[in-house]
Amino acid sequence: MSKASQIIVLCEDRAHEVFVKRFLKRWGVKSRSIRVTPYPNGKGSGKKHVEDNISPEAKALRRRHASTILLVVQDADELTVDRTRSSLDAKILPPRRDDEPIAFIIPKWHIQTWIAYLDGENIDEGDKEAYERRYRVISESKEAHSLIDKLAYNCRGNRELESPPDSLVAACEEFERIRNAL
């Protein structure tokens, strides 16, 4: 059972939505507590959608009396994860506090890279296209559930992952920001 009454997910696309919702469900969050803001779904830039909506969503979160979490999912693409995090932080005024329930989940190029890693592949986060093509359909469907379940299980139990991609390590650190609210 989630202590947070609502978790708002601001993401770029269906693959992000599938990943985050499954992960949260495995952490015991009820489906009705998760609200995914509508994303462009092929009719515009998912990255721009996240950048345009992060400030209003953070402001709304700060006004709520109920315990709410904001999960922001955006691919770093050509930037580093740290640079993307800084860019997202800069869009929130005042800046997010360490104890604030706002977490940034930032895969390097695509969340498909994480799915490939969870599927046992030895991955290169610098490769822009290899995993996106191979894991696109899987990442947007229930086929990814068993892989995401494995990650959620390990993260929930604070089990160390074997040679994880740097962006996934950073995401796990961000989840720690909100662990107590879940």
C-alpha atoms as a PDB file:
ATOM      1  CA  MET A   1       0.000   0.000   0.000  1.00  0.00           C
ATOM      2  CA  SER A   2       1.347   3.382  -0.989  1.00  0.00           C
ATOM      3  CA  LYS A   3       1.583   6.187   1.558  1.00  0.00           C
ATOM      4  CA  ALA A   4       1.477   8.689  -1.285  1.00  0.00           C
ATOM      5  CA  SER A   5      -2.100   9.275  -2.374  1.00  0.00           C
ATOM      6  CA  GLN A   6      -1.037  10.017  -5.939  1.00  0.00           C
ATOM      7  CA  ILE A   7       1.996   9.515  -8.133  1.00  0.00           C
ATOM      8  CA  ILE A   8       2.147  11.720 -11.193  1.00  0.00           C
ATOM      9  CA  VAL A   9       4.294  10.428 -14.044  1.00  0.00           C
ATOM     10  CA  LEU A  10       5.524  12.951 -16.591  1.00  0.00           C
ATOM     11  CA  CYS A  11       7.174  10.999 -19.402  1.00  0.00           C
ATOM     12  CA  GLU A  12       8.026  11.067 -23.088  1.00  0.00           C
ATOM     13  CA  ASP A  13       6.369   7.937 -24.442  1.00  0.00           C
ATOM     14  CA  ARG A  14       4.666   4.570 -23.987  1.00  0.00           C
ATOM     15  CA  ALA A  15       7.909   2.720 -23.202  1.00  0.00           C
ATOM     16  CA  HIS A  16       8.563   5.088 -20.281  1.00  0.00           C
ATOM     17  CA  GLU A  17       4.977   4.665 -19.076  1.00  0.00           C
ATOM     18  CA  VAL A  18       5.133   0.848 -19.184  1.00  0.00           C
ATOM     19  CA  PHE A  19       8.449   0.806 -17.347  1.00  0.00           C
ATOM     20  CA  VAL A  20       7.491   3.194 -14.540  1.00  0.00           C
ATOM     21  CA  LYS A  21       3.995   1.826 -13.955  1.00  0.00           C
ATOM     22  CA  ARG A  22       5.234  -1.769 -13.748  1.00  0.00           C
ATOM     23  CA  PHE A  23       8.126  -0.801 -11.485  1.00  0.00           C
ATOM     24  CA  LEU A  24       5.803   1.092  -9.133  1.00  0.00           C
ATOM     25  CA  LYS A  25       3.264  -1.738  -9.049  1.00  0.00           C
ATOM     26  CA  ARG A  26       6.014  -4.137  -8.008  1.00  0.00           C
ATOM     27  CA  TRP A  27       6.869  -1.714  -5.213  1.00  0.00           C
ATOM     28  CA  GLY A  28       3.287  -2.049  -3.955  1.00  0.00           C
ATOM     29  CA  VAL A  29       1.739   1.057  -5.493  1.00  0.00           C
ATOM     30  CA  LYS A  30      -1.905   0.607  -6.516  1.00  0.00           C
ATOM     31  CA  SER A  31      -2.703   1.352 -10.169  1.00  0.00           C
ATOM     32  CA  ARG A  32      -5.354   3.893  -9.229  1.00  0.00           C
ATOM     33  CA  SER A  33      -2.683   5.950  -7.432  1.00  0.00           C
ATOM     34  CA  ILE A  34      -0.648   6.404 -10.635  1.00  0.00           C
ATOM     35  CA  ARG A  35      -1.579   9.191 -13.044  1.00  0.00           C
ATOM     36  CA  VAL A  36       0.384   9.476 -16.270  1.00  0.00           C
ATOM     37  CA  THR A  37       0.089  12.872 -17.906  1.00  0.00           C
ATOM     38  CA  PRO A  38      -0.867  12.529 -21.584  1.00  0.00           C
ATOM     39  CA  TYR A  39       2.240  12.514 -23.793  1.00  0.00           C
ATOM     40  CA  PRO A  40       2.454  13.280 -27.532  1.00  0.00           C
ATOM     41  CA  ASN A  41       2.414   9.593 -28.609  1.00  0.00           C
ATOM     42  CA  GLY A  42       3.999  10.206 -32.006  1.00  0.00           C
ATOM     43  CA  LYS A  43       2.348  13.591 -32.506  1.00  0.00           C
ATOM     44  CA  GLY A  44       5.191  15.796 -31.329  1.00  0.00           C
ATOM     45  CA  SER A  45       8.331  15.724 -29.236  1.00  0.00           C
ATOM     46  CA  GLY A  46       8.149  13.741 -26.014  1.00  0.00           C
ATOM     47  CA  LYS A  47      11.237  15.567 -24.749  1.00  0.00           C
ATOM     48  CA  LYS A  48       9.590  18.967 -25.333  1.00  0.00           C
ATOM     49  CA  HIS A  49       6.424  17.708 -23.635  1.00  0.00           C
ATOM     50  CA  VAL A  50       8.405  16.884 -20.487  1.00  0.00           C
ATOM     51  CA  GLU A  51      10.291  20.186 -20.563  1.00  0.00           C
ATOM     52  CA  ASP A  52       7.093  22.207 -21.085  1.00  0.00           C
ATOM     53  CA  ASN A  53       5.173  20.467 -18.306  1.00  0.00           C
ATOM     54  CA  ILE A  54       7.715  19.937 -15.528  1.00  0.00           C
ATOM     55  CA  SER A  55       7.334  23.418 -14.042  1.00  0.00           C
ATOM     56  CA  PRO A  56       3.500  23.399 -13.901  1.00  0.00           C
ATOM     57  CA  GLU A  57       3.486  19.850 -12.484  1.00  0.00           C
ATOM     58  CA  ALA A  58       6.053  20.760  -9.795  1.00  0.00           C
ATOM     59  CA  LYS A  59       4.000  23.847  -8.853  1.00  0.00           C
ATOM     60  CA  ALA A  60       0.833  21.745  -8.640  1.00  0.00           C
ATOM     61  CA  LEU A  61       2.629  19.162  -6.475  1.00  0.00           C
ATOM     62  CA  ARG A  62       3.763  21.867  -4.073  1.00  0.00           C
ATOM     63  CA  ARG A  63       0.196  23.186  -3.694  1.00  0.00           C
ATOM     64  CA  ARG A  64      -1.338  19.799  -2.867  1.00  0.00           C
ATOM     65  CA  HIS A  65      -2.126  18.950   0.721  1.00  0.00           C
ATOM     66  CA  ALA A  66      -2.142  15.220   0.034  1.00  0.00           C
ATOM     67  CA  SER A  67       1.127  13.342  -0.270  1.00  0.00           C
ATOM     68  CA  THR A  68       2.017  13.332  -3.956  1.00  0.00           C
ATOM     69  CA  ILE A  69       5.082  12.190  -5.875  1.00  0.00           C
ATOM     70  CA  LEU A  70       6.222  13.519  -9.238  1.00  0.00           C
ATOM     71  CA  LEU A  71       8.286  11.136 -11.388  1.00  0.00           C
ATOM     72  CA  VAL A  72       9.820  12.796 -14.422  1.00  0.00           C
ATOM     73  CA  VAL A  73      11.152  10.474 -17.131  1.00  0.00           C
ATOM     74  CA  GLN A  74      13.228  11.940 -19.935  1.00  0.00           C
ATOM     75  CA  ASP A  75      15.941  10.452 -22.138  1.00  0.00           C
ATOM     76  CA  ALA A  76      19.309  12.207 -21.894  1.00  0.00           C
ATOM     77  CA  ASP A  77      19.994  11.591 -25.587  1.00  0.00           C
ATOM     78  CA  GLU A  78      23.147  13.471 -26.645  1.00  0.00           C
ATOM     79  CA  LEU A  79      23.557  15.071 -23.188  1.00  0.00           C
ATOM     80  CA  THR A  80      24.898  13.403 -20.073  1.00  0.00           C
ATOM     81  CA  VAL A  81      22.527  12.238 -17.361  1.00  0.00           C
ATOM     82  CA  ASP A  82      23.939  14.914 -15.023  1.00  0.00           C
ATOM     83  CA  ARG A  83      23.431  17.650 -17.611  1.00  0.00           C
ATOM     84  CA  THR A  84      19.853  16.514 -18.257  1.00  0.00           C
ATOM     85  CA  ARG A  85      19.157  16.441 -14.508  1.00  0.00           C
ATOM     86  CA  SER A  86      20.561  19.971 -14.182  1.00  0.00           C
ATOM     87  CA  SER A  87      18.406  21.129 -17.091  1.00  0.00           C
ATOM     88  CA  LEU A  88      15.273  19.650 -15.520  1.00  0.00           C
ATOM     89  CA  ASP A  89      16.184  21.096 -12.113  1.00  0.00           C
ATOM     90  CA  ALA A  90      16.577  24.533 -13.713  1.00  0.00           C
ATOM     91  CA  LYS A  91      12.980  24.391 -14.939  1.00  0.00           C
ATOM     92  CA  ILE A  92      11.651  24.034 -11.387  1.00  0.00           C
ATOM     93  CA  LEU A  93      11.568  27.218  -9.354  1.00  0.00           C
ATOM     94  CA  PRO A  94      12.393  27.241  -6.581  1.00  0.00           C
ATOM     95  CA  PRO A  95      14.800  24.317  -7.146  1.00  0.00           C
ATOM     96  CA  ARG A  96      13.735  20.964  -5.741  1.00  0.00           C
ATOM     97  CA  ARG A  97      14.856  20.292  -2.215  1.00  0.00           C
ATOM     98  CA  ASP A  98      16.620  17.072  -1.205  1.00  0.00           C
ATOM     99  CA  ASP A  99      13.566  15.970   0.788  1.00  0.00           C
ATOM    100  CA  GLU A 100      11.048  16.844  -1.944  1.00  0.00           C
ATOM    101  CA  PRO A 101       9.210  13.922  -3.628  1.00  0.00           C
ATOM    102  CA  ILE A 102      10.312  14.776  -7.165  1.00  0.00           C
ATOM    103  CA  ALA A 103      12.490  12.195  -8.911  1.00  0.00           C
ATOM    104  CA  PHE A 104      14.162  12.294 -12.314  1.00  0.00           C
ATOM    105  CA  ILE A 105      14.470   8.996 -14.165  1.00  0.00           C
ATOM    106  CA  ILE A 106      16.905   9.566 -17.037  1.00  0.00           C
ATOM    107  CA  PRO A 107      17.923   6.760 -19.408  1.00  0.00           C
ATOM    108  CA  LYS A 108      20.867   7.704 -21.648  1.00  0.00           C
ATOM    109  CA  TRP A 109      19.352   7.292 -25.136  1.00  0.00           C
ATOM    110  CA  HIS A 110      16.295   5.099 -24.688  1.00  0.00           C
ATOM    111  CA  ILE A 111      14.730   3.074 -21.910  1.00  0.00           C
ATOM    112  CA  GLN A 112      15.219   0.129 -24.286  1.00  0.00           C
ATOM    113  CA  THR A 113      18.874   0.179 -23.198  1.00  0.00           C
ATOM    114  CA  TRP A 114      17.750  -0.716 -19.674  1.00  0.00           C
ATOM    115  CA  ILE A 115      15.463  -3.441 -20.991  1.00  0.00           C
ATOM    116  CA  ALA A 116      18.401  -4.883 -22.965  1.00  0.00           C
ATOM    117  CA  TYR A 117      20.560  -4.811 -19.807  1.00  0.00           C
ATOM    118  CA  LEU A 118      17.831  -6.508 -17.778  1.00  0.00           C
ATOM    119  CA  ASP A 119      17.557  -9.109 -20.547  1.00  0.00           C
ATOM    120  CA  GLY A 120      21.202 -10.018 -19.939  1.00  0.00           C
ATOM    121  CA  GLU A 121      22.865  -8.081 -22.742  1.00  0.00           C
ATOM    122  CA  ASN A 122      26.251  -6.484 -22.223  1.00  0.00           C
ATOM    123  CA  ILE A 123      25.313  -2.959 -23.237  1.00  0.00           C
ATOM    124  CA  ASP A 124      27.035   0.197 -24.404  1.00  0.00           C
ATOM    125  CA  GLU A 125      25.055   3.272 -23.309  1.00  0.00           C
ATOM    126  CA  GLY A 126      26.742   5.307 -26.026  1.00  0.00           C
ATOM    127  CA  ASP A 127      25.089   3.252 -28.763  1.00  0.00           C
ATOM    128  CA  LYS A 128      22.118   5.325 -29.859  1.00  0.00           C
ATOM    129  CA  GLU A 129      20.292   2.789 -32.011  1.00  0.00           C
ATOM    130  CA  ALA A 130      21.171  -0.834 -31.207  1.00  0.00           C
ATOM    131  CA  TYR A 131      18.752  -1.444 -28.339  1.00  0.00           C
ATOM    132  CA  GLU A 132      15.998   0.907 -29.454  1.00  0.00           C
ATOM    133  CA  ARG A 133      15.351  -1.105 -32.605  1.00  0.00           C
ATOM    134  CA  ARG A 134      15.652  -4.527 -30.973  1.00  0.00           C
ATOM    135  CA  TYR A 135      13.675  -3.774 -27.810  1.00  0.00           C
ATOM    136  CA  ARG A 136      11.088  -1.187 -28.948  1.00  0.00           C
ATOM    137  CA  VAL A 137       8.123  -3.582 -29.169  1.00  0.00           C
ATOM    138  CA  ILE A 138       9.116  -5.408 -25.980  1.00  0.00           C
ATOM    139  CA  SER A 139       9.546  -2.161 -24.016  1.00  0.00           C
ATOM    140  CA  GLU A 140       6.026  -1.016 -24.913  1.00  0.00           C
ATOM    141  CA  SER A 141       4.303  -4.270 -23.949  1.00  0.00           C
ATOM    142  CA  LYS A 142       3.803  -6.813 -21.200  1.00  0.00           C
ATOM    143  CA  GLU A 143       6.810  -8.690 -22.559  1.00  0.00           C
ATOM    144  CA  ALA A 144       8.975  -6.285 -20.527  1.00  0.00           C
ATOM    145  CA  HIS A 145       7.194  -7.024 -17.246  1.00  0.00           C
ATOM    146  CA  SER A 146       9.377  -9.917 -16.090  1.00  0.00           C
ATOM    147  CA  LEU A 147      12.517  -7.864 -16.759  1.00  0.00           C
ATOM    148  CA  ILE A 148      11.170  -4.822 -14.910  1.00  0.00           C
ATOM    149  CA  ASP A 149       9.997  -7.082 -12.064  1.00  0.00           C
ATOM    150  CA  LYS A 150      13.556  -8.330 -11.627  1.00  0.00           C
ATOM    151  CA  LEU A 151      14.839  -4.765 -11.330  1.00  0.00           C
ATOM    152  CA  ALA A 152      12.072  -3.728  -8.917  1.00  0.00           C
ATOM    153  CA  TYR A 153      12.786  -6.757  -6.728  1.00  0.00           C
ATOM    154  CA  ASN A 154      16.501  -5.965  -6.575  1.00  0.00           C
ATOM    155  CA  CYS A 155      15.959  -2.254  -5.967  1.00  0.00           C
ATOM    156  CA  ARG A 156      13.348  -2.814  -3.286  1.00  0.00           C
ATOM    157  CA  GLY A 157      15.697  -5.125  -1.419  1.00  0.00           C
ATOM    158  CA  ASN A 158      18.690  -2.817  -1.951  1.00  0.00           C
ATOM    159  CA  ARG A 159      20.437  -5.633  -3.820  1.00  0.00           C
ATOM    160  CA  GLU A 160      23.404  -4.575  -5.873  1.00  0.00           C
ATOM    161  CA  LEU A 161      23.037  -4.957  -9.626  1.00  0.00           C
ATOM    162  CA  GLU A 162      25.829  -6.553 -11.637  1.00  0.00           C
ATOM    163  CA  SER A 163      27.546  -4.005 -13.920  1.00  0.00           C
ATOM    164  CA  PRO A 164      24.490  -1.794 -14.452  1.00  0.00           C
ATOM    165  CA  PRO A 165      24.536   1.098 -16.914  1.00  0.00           C
ATOM    166  CA  ASP A 166      25.444   4.413 -15.285  1.00  0.00           C
ATOM    167  CA  SER A 167      22.063   5.963 -16.084  1.00  0.00           C
ATOM    168  CA  LEU A 168      20.275   3.105 -14.281  1.00  0.00           C
ATOM    169  CA  VAL A 169      22.469   3.606 -11.216  1.00  0.00           C
ATOM    170  CA  ALA A 170      21.502   7.302 -11.246  1.00  0.00           C
ATOM    171  CA  ALA A 171      17.809   6.349 -11.555  1.00  0.00           C
ATOM    172  CA  CYS A 172      18.071   4.048  -8.539  1.00  0.00           C
ATOM    173  CA  GLU A 173      19.558   6.942  -6.549  1.00  0.00           C
ATOM    174  CA  GLU A 174      16.615   9.112  -7.599  1.00  0.00           C
ATOM    175  CA  PHE A 175      14.153   6.437  -6.459  1.00  0.00           C
ATOM    176  CA  GLU A 176      15.817   6.610  -3.048  1.00  0.00           C
ATOM    177  CA  ARG A 177      14.607  10.229  -2.851  1.00  0.00           C
ATOM    178  CA  ILE A 178      11.032   8.968  -2.735  1.00  0.00           C
ATOM    179  CA  ARG A 179      11.354   5.549  -1.103  1.00  0.00           C
ATOM    180  CA  ASN A 180       9.875   6.738   2.193  1.00  0.00           C
ATOM    181  CA  ALA A 181       6.847   8.236   0.450  1.00  0.00           C
ATOM    182  CA  LEU A 182       5.986   4.915  -1.229  1.00  0.00           C
END
